[in-house]
PDB file of N, CA and C in Angstrom:
ATOM      1  N   MET A   1     -12.136  40.299 -72.680  1.00  0.00           N
ATOM      2  CA  MET A   1     -13.377  39.847 -72.081  1.00  0.00           C
ATOM      3  C   MET A   1     -14.527  40.426 -72.913  1.00  0.00           C
ATOM      4  N   THR A   2     -15.454  39.583 -73.248  1.00  0.00           N
ATOM      5  CA  THR A   2     -16.575  40.031 -74.069  1.00  0.00           C
ATOM      6  C   THR A   2     -17.613  40.735 -73.200  1.00  0.00           C
ATOM      7  N   PRO A   3     -18.393  41.626 -73.792  1.00  0.00           N
ATOM      8  CA  PRO A   3     -19.434  42.302 -73.003  1.00  0.00           C
ATOM      9  C   PRO A   3     -20.469  41.332 -72.412  1.00  0.00           C
ATOM     10  N   ARG A   4     -20.750  40.264 -73.133  1.00  0.00           N
ATOM     11  CA  ARG A   4     -21.724  39.289 -72.623  1.00  0.00           C
ATOM     12  C   ARG A   4     -21.189  38.590 -71.381  1.00  0.00           C
ATOM     13  N   LEU A   5     -19.908  38.234 -71.405  1.00  0.00           N
ATOM     14  CA  LEU A   5     -19.295  37.591 -70.249  1.00  0.00           C
ATOM     15  C   LEU A   5     -19.214  38.555 -69.065  1.00  0.00           C
ATOM     16  N   LEU A   6     -18.919  39.810 -69.357  1.00  0.00           N
ATOM     17  CA  LEU A   6     -18.879  40.817 -68.300  1.00  0.00           C
ATOM     18  C   LEU A   6     -20.268  40.993 -67.674  1.00  0.00           C
ATOM     19  N   ALA A   7     -21.299  41.049 -68.510  1.00  0.00           N
ATOM     20  CA  ALA A   7     -22.665  41.181 -67.991  1.00  0.00           C
ATOM     21  C   ALA A   7     -23.060  39.961 -67.160  1.00  0.00           C
ATOM     22  N   ALA A   8     -22.663  38.780 -67.600  1.00  0.00           N
ATOM     23  CA  ALA A   8     -22.977  37.558 -66.845  1.00  0.00           C
ATOM     24  C   ALA A   8     -22.278  37.569 -65.490  1.00  0.00           C
ATOM     25  N   GLY A   9     -21.026  37.982 -65.474  1.00  0.00           N
ATOM     26  CA  GLY A   9     -20.290  38.044 -64.211  1.00  0.00           C
ATOM     27  C   GLY A   9     -20.881  39.060 -63.250  1.00  0.00           C
ATOM     28  N   ARG A  10     -21.254  40.218 -63.784  1.00  0.00           N
ATOM     29  CA  ARG A  10     -21.843  41.246 -62.932  1.00  0.00           C
ATOM     30  C   ARG A  10     -23.206  40.808 -62.399  1.00  0.00           C
ATOM     31  N   ALA A  11     -24.000  40.151 -63.221  1.00  0.00           N
ATOM     32  CA  ALA A  11     -25.309  39.677 -62.765  1.00  0.00           C
ATOM     33  C   ALA A  11     -25.157  38.604 -61.690  1.00  0.00           C
ATOM     34  N   GLY A  12     -24.219  37.680 -61.902  1.00  0.00           N
ATOM     35  CA  GLY A  12     -23.981  36.638 -60.901  1.00  0.00           C
ATOM     36  C   GLY A  12     -23.460  37.215 -59.600  1.00  0.00           C
ATOM     37  N   TRP A  13     -22.535  38.171 -59.678  1.00  0.00           N
ATOM     38  CA  TRP A  13     -21.975  38.798 -58.481  1.00  0.00           C
ATOM     39  C   TRP A  13     -23.054  39.581 -57.733  1.00  0.00           C
ATOM     40  N   SER A  14     -23.893  40.312 -58.461  1.00  0.00           N
ATOM     41  CA  SER A  14     -24.965  41.077 -57.828  1.00  0.00           C
ATOM     42  C   SER A  14     -25.951  40.145 -57.124  1.00  0.00           C
ATOM     43  N   ALA A  15     -26.285  39.048 -57.775  1.00  0.00           N
ATOM     44  CA  ALA A  15     -27.200  38.089 -57.153  1.00  0.00           C
ATOM     45  C   ALA A  15     -26.561  37.461 -55.914  1.00  0.00           C
ATOM     46  N   LEU A  16     -25.274  37.156 -55.986  1.00  0.00           N
ATOM     47  CA  LEU A  16     -24.577  36.577 -54.835  1.00  0.00           C
ATOM     48  C   LEU A  16     -24.556  37.556 -53.664  1.00  0.00           C
ATOM     49  N   CYS A  17     -24.328  38.832 -53.968  1.00  0.00           N
ATOM     50  CA  CYS A  17     -24.307  39.847 -52.907  1.00  0.00           C
ATOM     51  C   CYS A  17     -25.678  40.032 -52.255  1.00  0.00           C
ATOM     52  N   GLY A  18     -26.732  39.674 -52.938  1.00  0.00           N
ATOM     53  CA  GLY A  18     -28.055  39.746 -52.341  1.00  0.00           C
ATOM     54  C   GLY A  18     -28.491  38.461 -51.674  1.00  0.00           C
ATOM     55  N   VAL A  19     -28.044  37.328 -52.217  1.00  0.00           N
ATOM     56  CA  VAL A  19     -28.477  36.033 -51.690  1.00  0.00           C
ATOM     57  C   VAL A  19     -27.818  35.721 -50.349  1.00  0.00           C
ATOM     58  N   VAL A  20     -26.556  36.019 -50.210  1.00  0.00           N
ATOM     59  CA  VAL A  20     -25.840  35.648 -48.981  1.00  0.00           C
ATOM     60  C   VAL A  20     -26.425  36.362 -47.755  1.00  0.00           C
ATOM     61  N   PRO A  21     -26.552  37.700 -47.764  1.00  0.00           N
ATOM     62  CA  PRO A  21     -27.175  38.305 -46.576  1.00  0.00           C
ATOM     63  C   PRO A  21     -28.639  37.928 -46.417  1.00  0.00           C
ATOM     64  N   GLY A  22     -29.337  37.724 -47.533  1.00  0.00           N
ATOM     65  CA  GLY A  22     -30.740  37.325 -47.436  1.00  0.00           C
ATOM     66  C   GLY A  22     -30.900  35.956 -46.809  1.00  0.00           C
ATOM     67  N   ALA A  23     -30.040  35.022 -47.202  1.00  0.00           N
ATOM     68  CA  ALA A  23     -30.101  33.679 -46.615  1.00  0.00           C
ATOM     69  C   ALA A  23     -29.730  33.718 -45.130  1.00  0.00           C
ATOM     70  N   ALA A  24     -28.723  34.503 -44.789  1.00  0.00           N
ATOM     71  CA  ALA A  24     -28.323  34.600 -43.378  1.00  0.00           C
ATOM     72  C   ALA A  24     -29.440  35.223 -42.539  1.00  0.00           C
ATOM     73  N   ALA A  25     -30.028  36.298 -43.039  1.00  0.00           N
ATOM     74  CA  ALA A  25     -31.116  36.944 -42.295  1.00  0.00           C
ATOM     75  C   ALA A  25     -32.346  36.032 -42.228  1.00  0.00           C
ATOM     76  N   GLY A  26     -32.636  35.344 -43.325  1.00  0.00           N
ATOM     77  CA  GLY A  26     -33.784  34.445 -43.339  1.00  0.00           C
ATOM     78  C   GLY A  26     -33.622  33.281 -42.379  1.00  0.00           C
ATOM     79  N   CYS A  27     -32.409  32.745 -42.289  1.00  0.00           N
ATOM     80  CA  CYS A  27     -32.174  31.648 -41.340  1.00  0.00           C
ATOM     81  C   CYS A  27     -32.329  32.122 -39.904  1.00  0.00           C
ATOM     82  N   GLY A  28     -31.794  33.309 -39.620  1.00  0.00           N
ATOM     83  CA  GLY A  28     -31.921  33.846 -38.265  1.00  0.00           C
ATOM     84  C   GLY A  28     -33.368  34.104 -37.885  1.00  0.00           C
ATOM     85  N   ILE A  29     -34.107  34.705 -38.790  1.00  0.00           N
ATOM     86  CA  ILE A  29     -35.516  34.988 -38.520  1.00  0.00           C
ATOM     87  C   ILE A  29     -36.318  33.690 -38.422  1.00  0.00           C
ATOM     88  N   GLY A  30     -35.990  32.733 -39.278  1.00  0.00           N
ATOM     89  CA  GLY A  30     -36.677  31.440 -39.220  1.00  0.00           C
ATOM     90  C   GLY A  30     -36.456  30.728 -37.900  1.00  0.00           C
ATOM     91  N   TRP A  31     -35.226  30.776 -37.417  1.00  0.00           N
ATOM     92  CA  TRP A  31     -34.953  30.165 -36.108  1.00  0.00           C
ATOM     93  C   TRP A  31     -35.723  30.874 -35.000  1.00  0.00           C
ATOM     94  N   LEU A  32     -35.790  32.194 -35.064  1.00  0.00           N
ATOM     95  CA  LEU A  32     -36.527  32.924 -34.033  1.00  0.00           C
ATOM     96  C   LEU A  32     -38.022  32.612 -34.079  1.00  0.00           C
ATOM     97  N   LEU A  33     -38.554  32.399 -35.268  1.00  0.00           N
ATOM     98  CA  LEU A  33     -39.972  32.064 -35.376  1.00  0.00           C
ATOM     99  C   LEU A  33     -40.261  30.622 -34.956  1.00  0.00           C
ATOM    100  N   ALA A  34     -39.354  29.713 -35.256  1.00  0.00           N
ATOM    101  CA  ALA A  34     -39.588  28.306 -34.938  1.00  0.00           C
ATOM    102  C   ALA A  34     -39.232  27.970 -33.487  1.00  0.00           C
ATOM    103  N   TRP A  35     -38.404  28.767 -32.854  1.00  0.00           N
ATOM    104  CA  TRP A  35     -37.919  28.433 -31.517  1.00  0.00           C
ATOM    105  C   TRP A  35     -39.026  28.253 -30.485  1.00  0.00           C
ATOM    106  N   PRO A  36     -40.027  29.138 -30.413  1.00  0.00           N
ATOM    107  CA  PRO A  36     -41.049  28.919 -29.376  1.00  0.00           C
ATOM    108  C   PRO A  36     -41.845  27.627 -29.564  1.00  0.00           C
ATOM    109  N   MET A  37     -41.957  27.170 -30.786  1.00  0.00           N
ATOM    110  CA  MET A  37     -42.741  25.958 -31.044  1.00  0.00           C
ATOM    111  C   MET A  37     -41.916  24.680 -30.944  1.00  0.00           C
ATOM    112  N   THR A  38     -40.618  24.787 -30.881  1.00  0.00           N
ATOM    113  CA  THR A  38     -39.782  23.592 -30.877  1.00  0.00           C
ATOM    114  C   THR A  38     -39.017  23.388 -29.574  1.00  0.00           C
ATOM    115  N   THR A  39     -38.946  24.392 -28.735  1.00  0.00           N
ATOM    116  CA  THR A  39     -38.188  24.278 -27.491  1.00  0.00           C
ATOM    117  C   THR A  39     -39.105  23.801 -26.370  1.00  0.00           C
ATOM    118  N   PRO A  40     -38.705  22.747 -25.654  1.00  0.00           N
ATOM    119  CA  PRO A  40     -39.553  22.289 -24.542  1.00  0.00           C
ATOM    120  C   PRO A  40     -39.578  23.329 -23.415  1.00  0.00           C
ATOM    121  N   TYR A  41     -40.768  23.589 -22.898  1.00  0.00           N
ATOM    122  CA  TYR A  41     -40.912  24.598 -21.850  1.00  0.00           C
ATOM    123  C   TYR A  41     -40.613  23.994 -20.485  1.00  0.00           C
ATOM    124  N   ASP A  42     -41.323  22.969 -20.158  1.00  0.00           N
ATOM    125  CA  ASP A  42     -40.994  22.194 -18.961  1.00  0.00           C
ATOM    126  C   ASP A  42     -41.577  20.802 -19.125  1.00  0.00           C
ATOM    127  N   GLU A  43     -41.432  19.986 -18.119  1.00  0.00           N
ATOM    128  CA  GLU A  43     -41.814  18.594 -18.258  1.00  0.00           C
ATOM    129  C   GLU A  43     -43.315  18.383 -18.293  1.00  0.00           C
ATOM    130  N   ASP A  44     -44.052  19.269 -17.697  1.00  0.00           N
ATOM    131  CA  ASP A  44     -45.502  19.140 -17.678  1.00  0.00           C
ATOM    132  C   ASP A  44     -46.148  20.023 -18.742  1.00  0.00           C
ATOM    133  N   ASP A  45     -45.446  20.225 -19.793  1.00  0.00           N
ATOM    134  CA  ASP A  45     -45.932  21.103 -20.850  1.00  0.00           C
ATOM    135  C   ASP A  45     -47.153  20.488 -21.522  1.00  0.00           C
ATOM    136  N   ILE A  46     -48.215  21.249 -21.589  1.00  0.00           N
ATOM    137  CA  ILE A  46     -49.451  20.755 -22.188  1.00  0.00           C
ATOM    138  C   ILE A  46     -49.351  20.770 -23.712  1.00  0.00           C
ATOM    139  N   LEU A  47     -48.737  21.814 -24.253  1.00  0.00           N
ATOM    140  CA  LEU A  47     -48.624  21.916 -25.706  1.00  0.00           C
ATOM    141  C   LEU A  47     -47.650  20.874 -26.247  1.00  0.00           C
ATOM    142  N   LEU A  48     -48.033  20.261 -27.310  1.00  0.00           N
ATOM    143  CA  LEU A  48     -47.137  19.309 -27.948  1.00  0.00           C
ATOM    144  C   LEU A  48     -46.140  20.076 -28.815  1.00  0.00           C
ATOM    145  N   ARG A  49     -44.892  19.839 -28.604  1.00  0.00           N
ATOM    146  CA  ARG A  49     -43.859  20.509 -29.391  1.00  0.00           C
ATOM    147  C   ARG A  49     -43.509  19.625 -30.574  1.00  0.00           C
ATOM    148  N   VAL A  50     -43.274  20.256 -31.689  1.00  0.00           N
ATOM    149  CA  VAL A  50     -42.908  19.514 -32.892  1.00  0.00           C
ATOM    150  C   VAL A  50     -41.419  19.668 -33.140  1.00  0.00           C
ATOM    151  N   SER A  51     -40.852  18.647 -33.715  1.00  0.00           N
ATOM    152  CA  SER A  51     -39.451  18.780 -34.092  1.00  0.00           C
ATOM    153  C   SER A  51     -39.415  19.457 -35.457  1.00  0.00           C
ATOM    154  N   PHE A  52     -38.486  20.342 -35.637  1.00  0.00           N
ATOM    155  CA  PHE A  52     -38.383  21.107 -36.875  1.00  0.00           C
ATOM    156  C   PHE A  52     -36.981  20.941 -37.424  1.00  0.00           C
ATOM    157  N   GLY A  53     -36.906  20.291 -38.574  1.00  0.00           N
ATOM    158  CA  GLY A  53     -35.614  20.127 -39.225  1.00  0.00           C
ATOM    159  C   GLY A  53     -35.416  21.231 -40.258  1.00  0.00           C
ATOM    160  N   THR A  54     -34.327  21.942 -40.150  1.00  0.00           N
ATOM    161  CA  THR A  54     -34.038  23.015 -41.099  1.00  0.00           C
ATOM    162  C   THR A  54     -33.623  22.394 -42.426  1.00  0.00           C
ATOM    163  N   PRO A  55     -34.266  22.777 -43.523  1.00  0.00           N
ATOM    164  CA  PRO A  55     -33.914  22.210 -44.832  1.00  0.00           C
ATOM    165  C   PRO A  55     -32.648  22.861 -45.396  1.00  0.00           C
ATOM    166  N   TRP A  56     -31.497  22.485 -44.855  1.00  0.00           N
ATOM    167  CA  TRP A  56     -30.238  23.127 -45.243  1.00  0.00           C
ATOM    168  C   TRP A  56     -29.913  22.908 -46.703  1.00  0.00           C
ATOM    169  N   TRP A  57     -30.273  21.757 -47.258  1.00  0.00           N
ATOM    170  CA  TRP A  57     -29.924  21.510 -48.658  1.00  0.00           C
ATOM    171  C   TRP A  57     -30.712  22.421 -49.586  1.00  0.00           C
ATOM    172  N   VAL A  58     -31.947  22.775 -49.215  1.00  0.00           N
ATOM    173  CA  VAL A  58     -32.729  23.706 -50.031  1.00  0.00           C
ATOM    174  C   VAL A  58     -32.143  25.112 -49.945  1.00  0.00           C
ATOM    175  N   ILE A  59     -31.755  25.518 -48.746  1.00  0.00           N
ATOM    176  CA  ILE A  59     -31.154  26.838 -48.566  1.00  0.00           C
ATOM    177  C   ILE A  59     -29.837  26.924 -49.328  1.00  0.00           C
ATOM    178  N   ALA A  60     -29.020  25.885 -49.256  1.00  0.00           N
ATOM    179  CA  ALA A  60     -27.746  25.883 -49.977  1.00  0.00           C
ATOM    180  C   ALA A  60     -27.961  25.866 -51.489  1.00  0.00           C
ATOM    181  N   ALA A  61     -28.947  25.107 -51.948  1.00  0.00           N
ATOM    182  CA  ALA A  61     -29.217  25.060 -53.391  1.00  0.00           C
ATOM    183  C   ALA A  61     -29.674  26.421 -53.907  1.00  0.00           C
ATOM    184  N   LEU A  62     -30.502  27.112 -53.141  1.00  0.00           N
ATOM    185  CA  LEU A  62     -30.935  28.448 -53.554  1.00  0.00           C
ATOM    186  C   LEU A  62     -29.793  29.449 -53.499  1.00  0.00           C
ATOM    187  N   ALA A  63     -28.982  29.380 -52.448  1.00  0.00           N
ATOM    188  CA  ALA A  63     -27.878  30.328 -52.310  1.00  0.00           C
ATOM    189  C   ALA A  63     -26.820  30.138 -53.397  1.00  0.00           C
ATOM    190  N   ILE A  64     -26.660  28.921 -53.880  1.00  0.00           N
ATOM    191  CA  ILE A  64     -25.695  28.668 -54.945  1.00  0.00           C
ATOM    192  C   ILE A  64     -26.356  28.801 -56.314  1.00  0.00           C
ATOM    193  N   GLY A  65     -27.577  28.322 -56.431  1.00  0.00           N
ATOM    194  CA  GLY A  65     -28.241  28.270 -57.734  1.00  0.00           C
ATOM    195  C   GLY A  65     -28.721  29.604 -58.269  1.00  0.00           C
ATOM    196  N   LEU A  66     -29.183  30.508 -57.403  1.00  0.00           N
ATOM    197  CA  LEU A  66     -29.704  31.780 -57.892  1.00  0.00           C
ATOM    198  C   LEU A  66     -28.638  32.651 -58.562  1.00  0.00           C
ATOM    199  N   PRO A  67     -27.440  32.815 -57.994  1.00  0.00           N
ATOM    200  CA  PRO A  67     -26.428  33.583 -58.718  1.00  0.00           C
ATOM    201  C   PRO A  67     -25.997  32.922 -60.032  1.00  0.00           C
ATOM    202  N   VAL A  68     -25.926  31.607 -60.033  1.00  0.00           N
ATOM    203  CA  VAL A  68     -25.567  30.902 -61.269  1.00  0.00           C
ATOM    204  C   VAL A  68     -26.661  31.100 -62.319  1.00  0.00           C
ATOM    205  N   LEU A  69     -27.912  31.017 -61.905  1.00  0.00           N
ATOM    206  CA  LEU A  69     -29.022  31.232 -62.826  1.00  0.00           C
ATOM    207  C   LEU A  69     -29.037  32.663 -63.366  1.00  0.00           C
ATOM    208  N   ALA A  70     -28.774  33.629 -62.498  1.00  0.00           N
ATOM    209  CA  ALA A  70     -28.744  35.027 -62.942  1.00  0.00           C
ATOM    210  C   ALA A  70     -27.621  35.245 -63.954  1.00  0.00           C
ATOM    211  N   GLY A  71     -26.460  34.663 -63.711  1.00  0.00           N
ATOM    212  CA  GLY A  71     -25.358  34.781 -64.660  1.00  0.00           C
ATOM    213  C   GLY A  71     -25.662  34.097 -65.978  1.00  0.00           C
ATOM    214  N   ALA A  72     -26.306  32.947 -65.919  1.00  0.00           N
ATOM    215  CA  ALA A  72     -26.642  32.227 -67.148  1.00  0.00           C
ATOM    216  C   ALA A  72     -27.672  32.986 -67.977  1.00  0.00           C
ATOM    217  N   ILE A  73     -28.648  33.581 -67.315  1.00  0.00           N
ATOM    218  CA  ILE A  73     -29.645  34.362 -68.052  1.00  0.00           C
ATOM    219  C   ILE A  73     -29.010  35.596 -68.669  1.00  0.00           C
ATOM    220  N   ALA A  74     -28.105  36.231 -67.943  1.00  0.00           N
ATOM    221  CA  ALA A  74     -27.432  37.419 -68.490  1.00  0.00           C
ATOM    222  C   ALA A  74     -26.529  37.060 -69.659  1.00  0.00           C
ATOM    223  N   ALA A  75     -26.034  35.834 -69.716  1.00  0.00           N
ATOM    224  CA  ALA A  75     -25.137  35.415 -70.795  1.00  0.00           C
ATOM    225  C   ALA A  75     -25.881  35.006 -72.056  1.00  0.00           C
ATOM    226  N   LEU A  76     -27.202  34.866 -71.965  1.00  0.00           N
ATOM    227  CA  LEU A  76     -27.967  34.483 -73.151  1.00  0.00           C
ATOM    228  C   LEU A  76     -27.869  35.575 -74.212  1.00  0.00           C
ATOM    229  N   PRO A  77     -27.863  35.176 -75.485  1.00  0.00           N
ATOM    230  CA  PRO A  77     -27.796  36.197 -76.533  1.00  0.00           C
ATOM    231  C   PRO A  77     -29.072  37.036 -76.553  1.00  0.00           C
ATOM    232  N   LYS A  78     -28.879  38.298 -76.795  1.00  0.00           N
ATOM    233  CA  LYS A  78     -30.009  39.218 -76.844  1.00  0.00           C
ATOM    234  C   LYS A  78     -30.596  39.212 -78.255  1.00  0.00           C
ATOM    235  N   HIS A  79     -31.903  39.275 -78.354  1.00  0.00           N
ATOM    236  CA  HIS A  79     -32.558  39.379 -79.653  1.00  0.00           C
ATOM    237  C   HIS A  79     -32.579  40.845 -80.052  1.00  0.00           C
ATOM    238  N   ARG A  80     -32.159  41.096 -81.251  1.00  0.00           N
ATOM    239  CA  ARG A  80     -32.176  42.470 -81.733  1.00  0.00           C
ATOM    240  C   ARG A  80     -33.574  42.796 -82.245  1.00  0.00           C
ATOM    241  N   ALA A  81     -34.012  43.984 -81.947  1.00  0.00           N
ATOM    242  CA  ALA A  81     -35.322  44.421 -82.412  1.00  0.00           C
ATOM    243  C   ALA A  81     -35.238  44.705 -83.909  1.00  0.00           C
ATOM    244  N   SER A  82     -36.322  44.472 -84.582  1.00  0.00           N
ATOM    245  CA  SER A  82     -36.331  44.766 -86.009  1.00  0.00           C
ATOM    246  C   SER A  82     -36.268  46.280 -86.191  1.00  0.00           C
ATOM    247  N   PRO A  83     -35.649  46.741 -87.282  1.00  0.00           N
ATOM    248  CA  PRO A  83     -35.542  48.190 -87.481  1.00  0.00           C
ATOM    249  C   PRO A  83     -36.926  48.808 -87.642  1.00  0.00           C
ATOM    250  N   ALA A  84     -37.020  50.047 -87.219  1.00  0.00           N
ATOM    251  CA  ALA A  84     -38.298  50.754 -87.305  1.00  0.00           C
ATOM    252  C   ALA A  84     -38.682  50.936 -88.767  1.00  0.00           C
ATOM    253  N   PRO A  85     -39.959  50.820 -89.076  1.00  0.00           N
ATOM    254  CA  PRO A  85     -40.374  51.023 -90.472  1.00  0.00           C
ATOM    255  C   PRO A  85     -40.107  52.450 -90.907  1.00  0.00           C
ATOM    256  N   LYS A  86     -39.752  52.593 -92.154  1.00  0.00           N
ATOM    257  CA  LYS A  86     -39.469  53.927 -92.684  1.00  0.00           C
ATOM    258  C   LYS A  86     -40.771  54.694 -92.855  1.00  0.00           C
ATOM    259  N   ALA A  87     -40.671  55.983 -92.632  1.00  0.00           N
ATOM    260  CA  ALA A  87     -41.840  56.846 -92.785  1.00  0.00           C
ATOM    261  C   ALA A  87     -42.209  56.936 -94.264  1.00  0.00           C
ATOM    262  N   ARG A  88     -43.490  56.936 -94.546  1.00  0.00           N
ATOM    263  CA  ARG A  88     -43.946  57.020 -95.930  1.00  0.00           C
ATOM    264  C   ARG A  88     -43.885  58.441 -96.473  1.00  0.00           C
ATOM    265  N   HIS A  89     -43.952  59.401 -95.593  1.00  0.00           N
ATOM    266  CA  HIS A  89     -43.930  60.799 -96.001  1.00  0.00           C
ATOM    267  C   HIS A  89     -42.649  61.455 -95.492  1.00  0.00           C
ATOM    268  N   PRO A  90     -42.075  62.318 -96.232  1.00  0.00           N
ATOM    269  CA  PRO A  90     -40.903  63.032 -95.727  1.00  0.00           C
ATOM    270  C   PRO A  90     -41.295  63.872 -94.491  1.00  0.00           C
ATOM    271  N   ALA A  91     -40.352  64.117 -93.652  1.00  0.00           N
ATOM    272  CA  ALA A  91     -40.629  64.788 -92.387  1.00  0.00           C
ATOM    273  C   ALA A  91     -41.187  66.195 -92.583  1.00  0.00           C
ATOM    274  N   GLY A  92     -40.826  66.876 -93.634  1.00  0.00           N
ATOM    275  CA  GLY A  92     -41.266  68.243 -93.820  1.00  0.00           C
ATOM    276  C   GLY A  92     -42.606  68.401 -94.503  1.00  0.00           C
ATOM    277  N   SER A  93     -43.239  67.343 -94.953  1.00  0.00           N
ATOM    278  CA  SER A  93     -44.479  67.488 -95.734  1.00  0.00           C
ATOM    279  C   SER A  93     -45.715  67.093 -94.961  1.00  0.00           C
ATOM    280  N   MET A  94     -45.824  67.504 -93.730  1.00  0.00           N
ATOM    281  CA  MET A  94     -47.002  67.178 -92.906  1.00  0.00           C
ATOM    282  C   MET A  94     -48.080  68.225 -93.166  1.00  0.00           C
ATOM    283  N   THR A  95     -49.254  67.818 -93.566  1.00  0.00           N
ATOM    284  CA  THR A  95     -50.329  68.761 -93.812  1.00  0.00           C
ATOM    285  C   THR A  95     -51.523  68.485 -92.942  1.00  0.00           C
TER     286      THR A  95
END
């Protein structure tokens, strides 16, 4: 296994470990925030309630796409820095 492939796998796994609980917590919190505005209170309710459709395809695309994107970025070749310029004066001749 090459180091680049190992880095890509670790980056994808790390992103997956963060995305899954984040998506679950975000969905739960989103439902709790939307519930008072979408649940009918009673028949003579003065406030107009709106229907709220959860964008599941966006949540699924982010939960799948972010780890894949992190792995792909980690697999990109790294640019090597140019070597440092050589000193014009020897180290011992500082005046």
